[in-house]
N, C-alpha and C. Protein backbone atom coordinates (compact mmCIF):
# COMPACT_ATOMS: atom_id res chain seq x y z
N MET A 1 0.77 -1.30 0.03
CA MET A 1 0.16 -0.01 -0.11
C MET A 1 0.71 1.33 -0.13
N LEU A 2 2.03 1.09 0.40
CA LEU A 2 2.94 2.27 0.53
C LEU A 2 3.21 3.00 -0.94
N TRP A 3 3.07 2.13 -2.03
CA TRP A 3 3.39 2.73 -3.21
C TRP A 3 2.20 2.98 -4.18
N ARG A 4 1.03 2.69 -3.34
CA ARG A 4 -0.21 3.18 -4.10
C ARG A 4 -0.35 4.57 -4.37
N LYS A 5 -0.68 4.95 -5.55
CA LYS A 5 -0.86 6.36 -5.84
C LYS A 5 -2.22 6.95 -5.75
N GLU A 6 -2.27 8.23 -5.73
CA GLU A 6 -3.75 8.69 -5.44
C GLU A 6 -4.24 8.77 -7.02
N GLY A 7 -3.71 8.83 -7.98
CA GLY A 7 -4.39 8.80 -9.33
C GLY A 7 -4.95 10.24 -9.60
N VAL A 8 -5.01 10.36 -10.73
CA VAL A 8 -5.52 11.44 -11.50
C VAL A 8 -6.95 11.83 -11.27
N LYS A 9 -7.35 12.97 -11.07
CA LYS A 9 -8.96 13.24 -10.83
C LYS A 9 -9.48 13.01 -12.07
N SER A 10 -10.80 12.35 -12.16
CA SER A 10 -11.44 12.12 -13.45
C SER A 10 -13.06 12.22 -12.98
N THR A 11 -13.69 12.35 -13.95
CA THR A 11 -15.24 12.45 -13.74
C THR A 11 -15.69 10.87 -13.50
N HIS A 12 -14.99 9.77 -13.62
CA HIS A 12 -15.60 8.58 -13.00
C HIS A 12 -15.51 8.63 -11.62
N ASN A 13 -14.52 9.28 -10.85
CA ASN A 13 -14.48 9.22 -9.59
C ASN A 13 -15.58 9.83 -8.70
N LYS A 14 -16.31 10.70 -9.41
CA LYS A 14 -17.31 11.71 -8.69
C LYS A 14 -18.03 11.13 -7.66
N ASN A 15 -19.06 9.98 -8.01
CA ASN A 15 -19.78 9.59 -6.96
C ASN A 15 -18.90 8.49 -5.98
N GLN A 16 -17.70 8.00 -6.48
CA GLN A 16 -17.39 6.94 -5.55
C GLN A 16 -16.93 7.53 -4.11
N LEU A 17 -16.54 8.61 -4.09
CA LEU A 17 -16.09 9.17 -2.75
C LEU A 17 -17.14 9.27 -1.63
N ILE A 18 -18.50 9.49 -2.30
CA ILE A 18 -19.53 9.49 -1.27
C ILE A 18 -19.81 7.83 -0.78
N GLY A 19 -19.78 6.98 -1.81
CA GLY A 19 -20.03 5.64 -1.35
C GLY A 19 -18.88 5.12 -0.51
N LEU A 20 -17.70 5.46 -0.85
CA LEU A 20 -16.66 5.05 0.00
C LEU A 20 -16.64 5.60 1.26
N ALA A 21 -17.23 6.87 1.65
CA ALA A 21 -17.42 7.52 2.98
C ALA A 21 -18.42 6.62 3.77
N VAL A 22 -19.54 6.50 3.10
CA VAL A 22 -20.59 5.76 3.73
C VAL A 22 -20.04 4.23 4.05
N LEU A 23 -19.47 3.60 3.18
CA LEU A 23 -18.84 2.09 3.49
C LEU A 23 -17.96 2.40 4.80
N GLY A 24 -17.10 3.28 4.97
CA GLY A 24 -16.19 3.65 5.86
C GLY A 24 -16.85 3.91 7.34
N ILE A 25 -18.05 4.56 7.39
CA ILE A 25 -18.94 5.15 8.37
C ILE A 25 -19.48 3.68 9.02
N ILE A 26 -19.83 2.72 8.05
CA ILE A 26 -20.56 1.58 8.39
C ILE A 26 -19.41 0.63 8.84
N THR A 27 -18.51 0.20 8.16
CA THR A 27 -17.41 -0.89 8.47
C THR A 27 -16.37 -0.57 9.32
N VAL A 28 -15.90 0.66 9.44
CA VAL A 28 -14.75 0.69 10.44
C VAL A 28 -15.26 0.82 11.79
N PRO A 29 -16.19 1.27 12.11
CA PRO A 29 -16.71 1.07 13.55
C PRO A 29 -16.90 -0.48 13.88
N ALA A 30 -17.59 -1.08 12.94
CA ALA A 30 -18.08 -2.53 12.97
C ALA A 30 -16.61 -3.29 13.25
N LEU A 31 -15.69 -3.07 12.45
CA LEU A 31 -14.57 -3.79 12.56
C LEU A 31 -13.48 -3.36 13.86
N LEU A 32 -13.66 -2.20 14.23
CA LEU A 32 -12.88 -1.79 15.33
C LEU A 32 -13.62 -2.00 16.64
N ILE A 33 -14.78 -1.61 16.74
CA ILE A 33 -15.55 -1.51 17.98
C ILE A 33 -16.56 -2.96 18.25
N GLY A 34 -16.85 -3.63 17.18
CA GLY A 34 -17.68 -4.73 17.22
C GLY A 34 -17.18 -5.96 17.72
N PRO A 35 -15.96 -6.47 17.26
CA PRO A 35 -15.22 -7.72 17.99
C PRO A 35 -14.82 -7.57 19.45
N PRO A 36 -14.20 -6.47 19.81
CA PRO A 36 -13.94 -6.36 21.09
C PRO A 36 -15.01 -6.37 22.16
N TRP A 37 -15.97 -5.71 21.75
CA TRP A 37 -17.34 -5.61 22.37
C TRP A 37 -18.03 -7.09 22.71
N GLU A 38 -18.00 -7.82 21.46
CA GLU A 38 -18.56 -8.99 21.26
C GLU A 38 -17.64 -10.00 22.21
N TYR A 39 -16.68 -9.91 22.28
CA TYR A 39 -15.55 -10.67 22.94
C TYR A 39 -15.89 -10.38 24.43
N ALA A 40 -16.01 -9.43 24.92
CA ALA A 40 -16.09 -9.02 26.35
C ALA A 40 -17.63 -9.38 26.78
N ASN A 41 -18.73 -9.32 25.93
CA ASN A 41 -19.99 -9.40 26.26
C ASN A 41 -20.67 -10.96 25.86
N PHE A 42 -20.16 -11.56 25.08
CA PHE A 42 -20.64 -12.86 24.45
C PHE A 42 -19.83 -14.07 24.53
N THR A 43 -20.20 -15.11 24.76
CA THR A 43 -19.30 -16.39 24.54
C THR A 43 -19.33 -17.14 23.11
N GLY A 44 -20.35 -16.77 22.27
CA GLY A 44 -20.56 -17.45 21.23
C GLY A 44 -21.16 -16.61 20.14
N PRO A 45 -21.80 -16.89 18.88
CA PRO A 45 -21.96 -18.42 18.53
C PRO A 45 -20.72 -18.84 18.01
N LEU A 46 -19.66 -17.98 17.59
CA LEU A 46 -18.41 -18.70 16.98
C LEU A 46 -17.29 -19.12 18.20
N PRO A 47 -17.02 -20.31 17.87
CA PRO A 47 -16.00 -20.75 19.01
C PRO A 47 -14.81 -19.98 18.73
N ARG A 48 -14.24 -19.79 19.96
CA ARG A 48 -12.84 -18.66 20.10
C ARG A 48 -11.84 -19.85 20.08
N ASP A 49 -10.59 -19.31 19.51
CA ASP A 49 -9.48 -19.90 19.46
C ASP A 49 -9.40 -21.34 18.96
N GLY A 50 -10.38 -21.70 18.00
CA GLY A 50 -10.41 -22.77 17.35
C GLY A 50 -10.12 -22.84 16.06
N ILE A 51 -10.47 -23.90 15.25
CA ILE A 51 -10.01 -24.14 13.76
C ILE A 51 -10.39 -22.77 12.79
N LEU A 52 -11.67 -22.24 13.19
CA LEU A 52 -12.22 -21.21 12.50
C LEU A 52 -11.34 -19.76 12.63
N SER A 53 -10.86 -19.63 13.90
CA SER A 53 -10.06 -18.56 14.10
C SER A 53 -8.52 -18.59 13.44
N TRP A 54 -8.17 -19.85 13.32
CA TRP A 54 -6.83 -20.01 12.56
C TRP A 54 -7.35 -20.01 10.92
N ALA A 55 -8.41 -20.63 10.63
CA ALA A 55 -8.71 -20.49 9.37
C ALA A 55 -8.95 -18.97 8.81
N GLY A 56 -9.46 -18.30 9.72
CA GLY A 56 -9.42 -16.74 9.40
C GLY A 56 -8.18 -16.08 9.24
N LEU A 57 -7.35 -16.49 10.04
CA LEU A 57 -5.82 -15.76 9.92
C LEU A 57 -5.31 -16.28 8.57
N ALA A 58 -5.55 -17.62 8.20
CA ALA A 58 -4.92 -17.90 6.83
C ALA A 58 -5.68 -17.24 5.69
N ILE A 59 -7.12 -17.06 6.03
CA ILE A 59 -7.78 -16.10 4.78
C ILE A 59 -7.27 -14.87 4.76
N PHE A 60 -7.17 -14.21 6.04
CA PHE A 60 -6.62 -12.78 6.00
C PHE A 60 -5.19 -12.74 5.30
N ALA A 61 -4.38 -13.57 5.56
CA ALA A 61 -3.01 -13.68 5.16
C ALA A 61 -2.99 -13.75 3.66
N ALA A 62 -3.76 -14.68 3.16
CA ALA A 62 -4.00 -15.10 1.66
C ALA A 62 -4.66 -13.81 1.05
N SER A 63 -5.47 -12.98 1.76
CA SER A 63 -6.10 -11.78 1.07
C SER A 63 -5.12 -10.60 0.90
N ILE A 64 -4.10 -10.57 1.83
CA ILE A 64 -3.04 -9.58 1.73
C ILE A 64 -2.24 -9.85 0.58
N ILE A 65 -1.76 -11.07 0.33
CA ILE A 65 -0.90 -11.57 -0.81
C ILE A 65 -1.74 -11.27 -1.79
N LEU A 66 -3.01 -11.53 -2.11
CA LEU A 66 -3.73 -11.38 -3.35
C LEU A 66 -3.64 -10.06 -3.75
N GLN A 67 -4.00 -9.14 -2.60
CA GLN A 67 -4.32 -7.71 -2.69
C GLN A 67 -2.96 -7.06 -3.21
N SER A 68 -1.79 -7.58 -2.64
CA SER A 68 -0.45 -7.04 -2.89
C SER A 68 -0.11 -7.41 -4.34
N ALA A 69 -0.44 -8.66 -4.76
CA ALA A 69 -0.24 -9.24 -6.29
C ALA A 69 -0.95 -8.24 -7.26
N ALA A 70 -2.17 -8.04 -6.88
CA ALA A 70 -2.88 -7.34 -7.72
C ALA A 70 -2.44 -5.89 -7.80
N MET A 71 -2.06 -5.25 -6.80
CA MET A 71 -1.35 -3.85 -6.80
C MET A 71 -0.10 -3.77 -7.58
N LEU A 72 0.80 -4.85 -7.40
CA LEU A 72 2.06 -4.97 -7.86
C LEU A 72 1.76 -5.02 -9.74
N GLU A 73 0.79 -5.90 -9.85
CA GLU A 73 0.62 -5.94 -11.36
C GLU A 73 0.14 -4.89 -12.15
N LEU A 74 -0.60 -4.11 -11.39
CA LEU A 74 -1.18 -2.85 -12.07
C LEU A 74 -0.17 -1.73 -11.87
N LYS A 75 0.83 -1.82 -11.04
CA LYS A 75 1.96 -0.91 -10.87
C LYS A 75 1.28 0.59 -10.52
N GLY A 76 1.57 1.56 -11.16
CA GLY A 76 0.98 2.92 -10.91
C GLY A 76 -0.47 2.97 -11.20
N ALA A 77 -0.99 2.11 -11.82
CA ALA A 77 -2.51 2.30 -12.13
C ALA A 77 -3.46 1.76 -11.17
N TYR A 78 -2.90 1.28 -9.83
CA TYR A 78 -3.55 0.83 -8.86
C TYR A 78 -4.00 1.97 -7.90
N THR A 79 -4.92 2.72 -8.17
CA THR A 79 -4.96 4.02 -7.34
C THR A 79 -6.35 4.00 -6.54
N PHE A 80 -6.28 4.93 -5.63
CA PHE A 80 -7.49 5.14 -4.84
C PHE A 80 -8.74 5.78 -5.73
N ARG A 81 -8.40 6.65 -6.55
CA ARG A 81 -9.21 7.28 -7.33
C ARG A 81 -9.78 6.64 -8.59
N LEU A 82 -11.08 6.44 -9.03
CA LEU A 82 -11.35 5.57 -10.15
C LEU A 82 -11.16 6.50 -11.45
N GLY A 83 -10.34 6.02 -12.31
CA GLY A 83 -10.08 6.68 -13.65
C GLY A 83 -8.89 5.90 -14.18
N ILE A 84 -8.87 6.29 -15.61
CA ILE A 84 -7.69 5.69 -16.36
C ILE A 84 -6.52 6.60 -16.22
N GLN A 85 -5.17 6.06 -15.85
CA GLN A 85 -4.09 6.69 -15.83
C GLN A 85 -3.33 6.94 -17.02
N ARG A 86 -2.58 8.19 -17.21
CA ARG A 86 -1.84 8.32 -18.47
C ARG A 86 -0.94 7.07 -18.89
N GLY A 87 -1.24 6.73 -20.11
CA GLY A 87 -0.53 5.64 -20.40
C GLY A 87 -0.91 4.09 -20.09
N GLN A 88 -1.96 4.04 -19.27
CA GLN A 88 -2.31 2.85 -18.67
C GLN A 88 -2.94 1.85 -20.17
N HIS A 89 -2.67 0.59 -19.88
CA HIS A 89 -3.20 -0.50 -20.67
C HIS A 89 -3.86 -1.50 -19.98
N LEU A 90 -4.54 -2.25 -20.55
CA LEU A 90 -5.45 -3.30 -20.00
C LEU A 90 -4.43 -4.34 -19.49
N VAL A 91 -4.46 -4.97 -18.05
CA VAL A 91 -3.70 -5.75 -17.60
C VAL A 91 -4.42 -7.07 -17.51
N LYS A 92 -3.79 -8.08 -18.16
CA LYS A 92 -4.41 -9.33 -18.03
C LYS A 92 -3.68 -10.60 -17.42
N SER A 93 -2.64 -10.28 -16.81
CA SER A 93 -1.57 -11.09 -16.27
C SER A 93 -1.62 -11.02 -14.96
N GLY A 94 -0.87 -11.96 -14.14
CA GLY A 94 -0.83 -12.21 -12.84
C GLY A 94 -2.35 -12.57 -12.27
N PRO A 95 -2.64 -12.19 -11.06
CA PRO A 95 -4.04 -12.55 -10.77
C PRO A 95 -5.06 -12.06 -11.65
N TYR A 96 -4.91 -11.17 -12.54
CA TYR A 96 -5.85 -10.94 -13.48
C TYR A 96 -6.25 -11.85 -14.48
N ARG A 97 -5.50 -12.71 -14.54
CA ARG A 97 -5.59 -13.81 -15.52
C ARG A 97 -7.04 -14.74 -15.00
N PHE A 98 -7.20 -14.65 -13.80
CA PHE A 98 -8.10 -15.47 -13.33
C PHE A 98 -9.48 -14.84 -12.81
N VAL A 99 -9.41 -13.45 -12.51
CA VAL A 99 -10.58 -12.65 -12.23
C VAL A 99 -10.19 -11.24 -12.48
N ARG A 100 -11.35 -10.59 -12.83
CA ARG A 100 -11.02 -9.05 -13.18
C ARG A 100 -10.84 -8.11 -12.14
N ASN A 101 -11.09 -8.47 -10.86
CA ASN A 101 -11.08 -7.58 -9.71
C ASN A 101 -10.52 -8.36 -8.59
N PRO A 102 -9.22 -8.79 -8.59
CA PRO A 102 -8.48 -9.60 -7.64
C PRO A 102 -8.42 -8.43 -6.25
N GLY A 103 -8.21 -7.36 -6.35
CA GLY A 103 -7.96 -6.47 -5.37
C GLY A 103 -9.26 -6.33 -4.48
N TYR A 104 -10.26 -6.20 -5.21
CA TYR A 104 -11.78 -6.26 -4.60
C TYR A 104 -11.94 -7.57 -3.71
N PHE A 105 -11.66 -8.69 -4.46
CA PHE A 105 -11.87 -10.02 -4.17
C PHE A 105 -10.93 -10.19 -2.71
N GLY A 106 -9.72 -9.77 -3.04
CA GLY A 106 -8.95 -9.79 -1.62
C GLY A 106 -9.58 -9.07 -0.61
N PHE A 107 -10.10 -7.78 -0.74
CA PHE A 107 -10.71 -7.01 0.36
C PHE A 107 -11.67 -7.84 0.87
N ILE A 108 -12.54 -8.29 0.20
CA ILE A 108 -13.72 -9.22 0.71
C ILE A 108 -13.18 -10.30 1.54
N LEU A 109 -12.20 -10.92 1.15
CA LEU A 109 -11.61 -11.91 1.92
C LEU A 109 -10.96 -11.57 3.23
N SER A 110 -10.42 -10.30 3.06
CA SER A 110 -9.83 -9.74 4.31
C SER A 110 -10.79 -9.54 5.52
N VAL A 111 -12.03 -8.95 5.07
CA VAL A 111 -13.13 -8.59 6.02
C VAL A 111 -13.57 -10.17 6.50
N ILE A 112 -13.63 -11.22 5.96
CA ILE A 112 -14.16 -12.48 6.09
C ILE A 112 -13.22 -12.93 7.10
N GLY A 113 -11.69 -13.00 6.88
CA GLY A 113 -10.69 -13.53 7.53
C GLY A 113 -10.66 -12.99 9.16
N ILE A 114 -10.80 -11.30 9.00
CA ILE A 114 -10.91 -10.75 10.28
C ILE A 114 -12.07 -11.07 11.11
N GLY A 115 -13.32 -11.33 10.45
CA GLY A 115 -14.51 -11.84 11.30
C GLY A 115 -14.23 -13.31 11.91
N LEU A 116 -13.63 -14.22 11.07
CA LEU A 116 -13.40 -15.34 11.56
C LEU A 116 -12.30 -15.59 12.42
N SER A 117 -11.17 -14.86 12.40
CA SER A 117 -10.07 -14.82 13.28
C SER A 117 -10.62 -14.16 14.65
N LEU A 118 -11.37 -13.13 14.88
CA LEU A 118 -11.69 -12.67 15.91
C LEU A 118 -13.20 -13.30 16.42
N SER A 119 -13.55 -14.30 15.79
CA SER A 119 -14.78 -15.02 16.16
C SER A 119 -15.95 -13.97 16.32
N SER A 120 -16.13 -13.11 15.37
CA SER A 120 -17.01 -12.02 15.49
C SER A 120 -18.30 -11.96 14.31
N ILE A 121 -19.28 -11.96 15.02
CA ILE A 121 -20.60 -11.95 14.04
C ILE A 121 -20.56 -10.70 13.34
N ILE A 122 -20.42 -9.68 14.19
CA ILE A 122 -20.56 -8.07 13.65
C ILE A 122 -19.59 -7.99 12.56
N ALA A 123 -18.31 -8.27 12.88
CA ALA A 123 -17.31 -8.21 11.69
C ALA A 123 -17.67 -8.94 10.25
N LEU A 124 -18.20 -10.34 10.67
CA LEU A 124 -18.63 -11.07 9.49
C LEU A 124 -19.88 -10.21 8.65
N LEU A 125 -20.61 -9.70 9.43
CA LEU A 125 -21.86 -9.09 8.90
C LEU A 125 -21.40 -7.78 8.16
N SER A 126 -20.45 -7.24 8.52
CA SER A 126 -19.96 -6.15 7.77
C SER A 126 -19.43 -6.32 6.38
N VAL A 127 -19.28 -7.71 6.01
CA VAL A 127 -19.10 -8.00 4.68
C VAL A 127 -20.13 -7.68 3.73
N VAL A 128 -21.28 -7.74 4.34
CA VAL A 128 -22.46 -7.27 3.60
C VAL A 128 -22.36 -5.79 2.71
N PRO A 129 -22.27 -4.92 3.80
CA PRO A 129 -22.09 -3.65 3.15
C PRO A 129 -20.67 -3.37 1.98
N VAL A 130 -19.77 -4.22 2.50
CA VAL A 130 -18.57 -4.16 1.75
C VAL A 130 -18.86 -4.70 0.21
N VAL A 131 -19.53 -5.94 0.35
CA VAL A 131 -19.89 -6.63 -0.92
C VAL A 131 -20.65 -5.45 -1.85
N VAL A 132 -21.72 -5.01 -1.35
CA VAL A 132 -22.80 -4.09 -1.91
C VAL A 132 -21.86 -2.95 -2.75
N PHE A 133 -21.08 -2.41 -1.81
CA PHE A 133 -20.28 -1.14 -2.35
C PHE A 133 -19.34 -1.70 -3.55
N ILE A 134 -18.73 -2.85 -3.28
CA ILE A 134 -17.74 -3.27 -4.29
C ILE A 134 -18.45 -3.69 -5.56
N LEU A 135 -19.74 -4.13 -5.53
CA LEU A 135 -20.40 -4.55 -6.67
C LEU A 135 -20.96 -3.19 -7.33
N TRP A 136 -21.18 -2.31 -6.82
CA TRP A 136 -21.59 -1.02 -7.12
C TRP A 136 -20.58 -0.41 -7.91
N ARG A 137 -19.26 -0.43 -7.14
CA ARG A 137 -18.11 0.07 -7.93
C ARG A 137 -17.65 -0.57 -9.14
N ILE A 138 -17.66 -1.90 -8.97
CA ILE A 138 -17.07 -2.65 -10.17
C ILE A 138 -17.98 -2.35 -11.37
N GLY A 139 -19.48 -2.17 -11.25
CA GLY A 139 -20.42 -1.97 -12.33
C GLY A 139 -19.88 -0.66 -12.81
N TYR A 140 -19.72 0.49 -12.07
CA TYR A 140 -19.17 1.84 -12.69
C TYR A 140 -17.88 1.57 -13.31
N GLU A 141 -16.92 1.04 -12.71
CA GLU A 141 -15.63 0.84 -13.14
C GLU A 141 -15.59 -0.11 -14.38
N GLU A 142 -16.38 -1.03 -14.71
CA GLU A 142 -16.47 -1.79 -15.91
C GLU A 142 -16.95 -0.96 -17.09
N ARG A 143 -18.11 0.01 -16.85
CA ARG A 143 -18.52 0.71 -17.66
C ARG A 143 -17.41 1.61 -18.33
N MET A 144 -16.56 2.14 -17.29
CA MET A 144 -15.54 3.05 -17.81
C MET A 144 -14.44 2.41 -18.42
N LEU A 145 -14.04 1.07 -18.17
CA LEU A 145 -13.17 0.30 -18.96
C LEU A 145 -13.52 -0.01 -20.26
N VAL A 146 -14.87 -0.45 -20.29
CA VAL A 146 -15.49 -0.55 -21.84
C VAL A 146 -15.10 0.56 -22.52
N LYS A 147 -15.64 1.67 -22.06
CA LYS A 147 -15.49 2.96 -22.89
C LYS A 147 -14.13 3.30 -23.21
N GLU A 148 -13.04 3.15 -22.23
CA GLU A 148 -11.89 3.14 -22.56
C GLU A 148 -11.01 2.05 -23.55
N PHE A 149 -11.20 0.70 -23.34
CA PHE A 149 -10.59 -0.06 -24.01
C PHE A 149 -11.55 -0.92 -25.01
N GLY A 150 -12.74 -0.56 -25.05
CA GLY A 150 -13.96 -1.27 -25.94
C GLY A 150 -13.59 -2.74 -26.03
N LYS A 151 -13.45 -2.89 -27.30
CA LYS A 151 -13.44 -4.53 -27.89
C LYS A 151 -12.58 -5.25 -26.89
N GLU A 152 -11.45 -4.99 -26.66
CA GLU A 152 -10.41 -5.54 -25.88
C GLU A 152 -10.94 -5.98 -24.42
N TYR A 153 -11.78 -5.07 -23.88
CA TYR A 153 -12.14 -5.31 -22.47
C TYR A 153 -13.28 -6.10 -22.51
N ARG A 154 -14.32 -6.04 -23.55
CA ARG A 154 -15.42 -6.78 -23.65
C ARG A 154 -14.95 -8.34 -23.90
N GLN A 155 -13.96 -8.37 -24.53
CA GLN A 155 -13.44 -9.93 -24.71
C GLN A 155 -12.71 -10.32 -23.51
N TYR A 156 -12.10 -9.68 -22.87
CA TYR A 156 -11.61 -10.03 -21.56
C TYR A 156 -12.70 -10.20 -20.41
N MET A 157 -13.59 -9.70 -20.46
CA MET A 157 -14.82 -10.05 -19.81
C MET A 157 -15.39 -11.45 -20.14
N LYS A 158 -15.35 -11.71 -21.14
CA LYS A 158 -16.09 -12.84 -21.69
C LYS A 158 -14.92 -14.03 -21.21
N GLU A 159 -13.61 -13.81 -21.01
CA GLU A 159 -12.72 -14.76 -20.68
C GLU A 159 -12.32 -14.97 -19.17
N THR A 160 -12.78 -14.05 -18.39
CA THR A 160 -12.55 -14.05 -16.83
C THR A 160 -13.69 -13.74 -16.11
N LYS A 161 -13.72 -14.37 -14.94
CA LYS A 161 -14.85 -14.12 -13.98
C LYS A 161 -14.82 -12.62 -13.38
N ARG A 162 -15.87 -12.09 -12.90
CA ARG A 162 -15.90 -10.71 -12.48
C ARG A 162 -15.23 -10.44 -11.02
N LEU A 163 -15.53 -11.29 -10.24
CA LEU A 163 -15.13 -11.09 -8.69
C LEU A 163 -14.51 -12.33 -8.13
N ILE A 164 -15.34 -13.43 -8.14
CA ILE A 164 -14.73 -14.74 -7.57
C ILE A 164 -14.11 -15.54 -8.67
N PRO A 165 -12.81 -16.01 -8.65
CA PRO A 165 -12.50 -16.84 -9.61
C PRO A 165 -13.09 -18.18 -9.84
N PHE A 166 -13.21 -18.34 -11.05
CA PHE A 166 -14.12 -19.57 -11.42
C PHE A 166 -15.51 -19.74 -11.09
N ILE A 167 -16.25 -18.82 -10.40
CA ILE A 167 -17.53 -18.73 -9.92
C ILE A 167 -18.31 -17.51 -10.69
N TYR A 168 -17.82 -16.38 -10.19
CA TYR A 168 -18.60 -15.26 -10.64
C TYR A 168 -17.79 -14.02 -10.97
């Protein structure tokens, strides 16, 4: 994340900041406050310190590796802002061979991993607004990419899954 660029301002990014702010207002408190509160006040329903916690840590670690690989593959085009960077080309290598949005998939996995590792229903439920936001953003982003890369991106859409490798 240290090398991630802000990106150039574009008309594609206009509505995204509002959505991102809403997502942050919902999920950040859920992930920072929810699990400790649950841990102090409830004994279940997810078992603590069991196989699910260790699986959550493994999922979280895998998600960080996936997000890092996606970021490295896009180089300077993996930015906070939604838009096409100067000189950007369509990347179909690395994790992008299997899914069009590996960074978003990795983010979803990281939230799931956090929820499982902390045995937190609240953290797991925060996956719902994350997925809603990501699907909304992907729709917007894909329209932008079709507009920019045309036939090449449409063909790429036929060859790869949108968010979950081999499934969706």
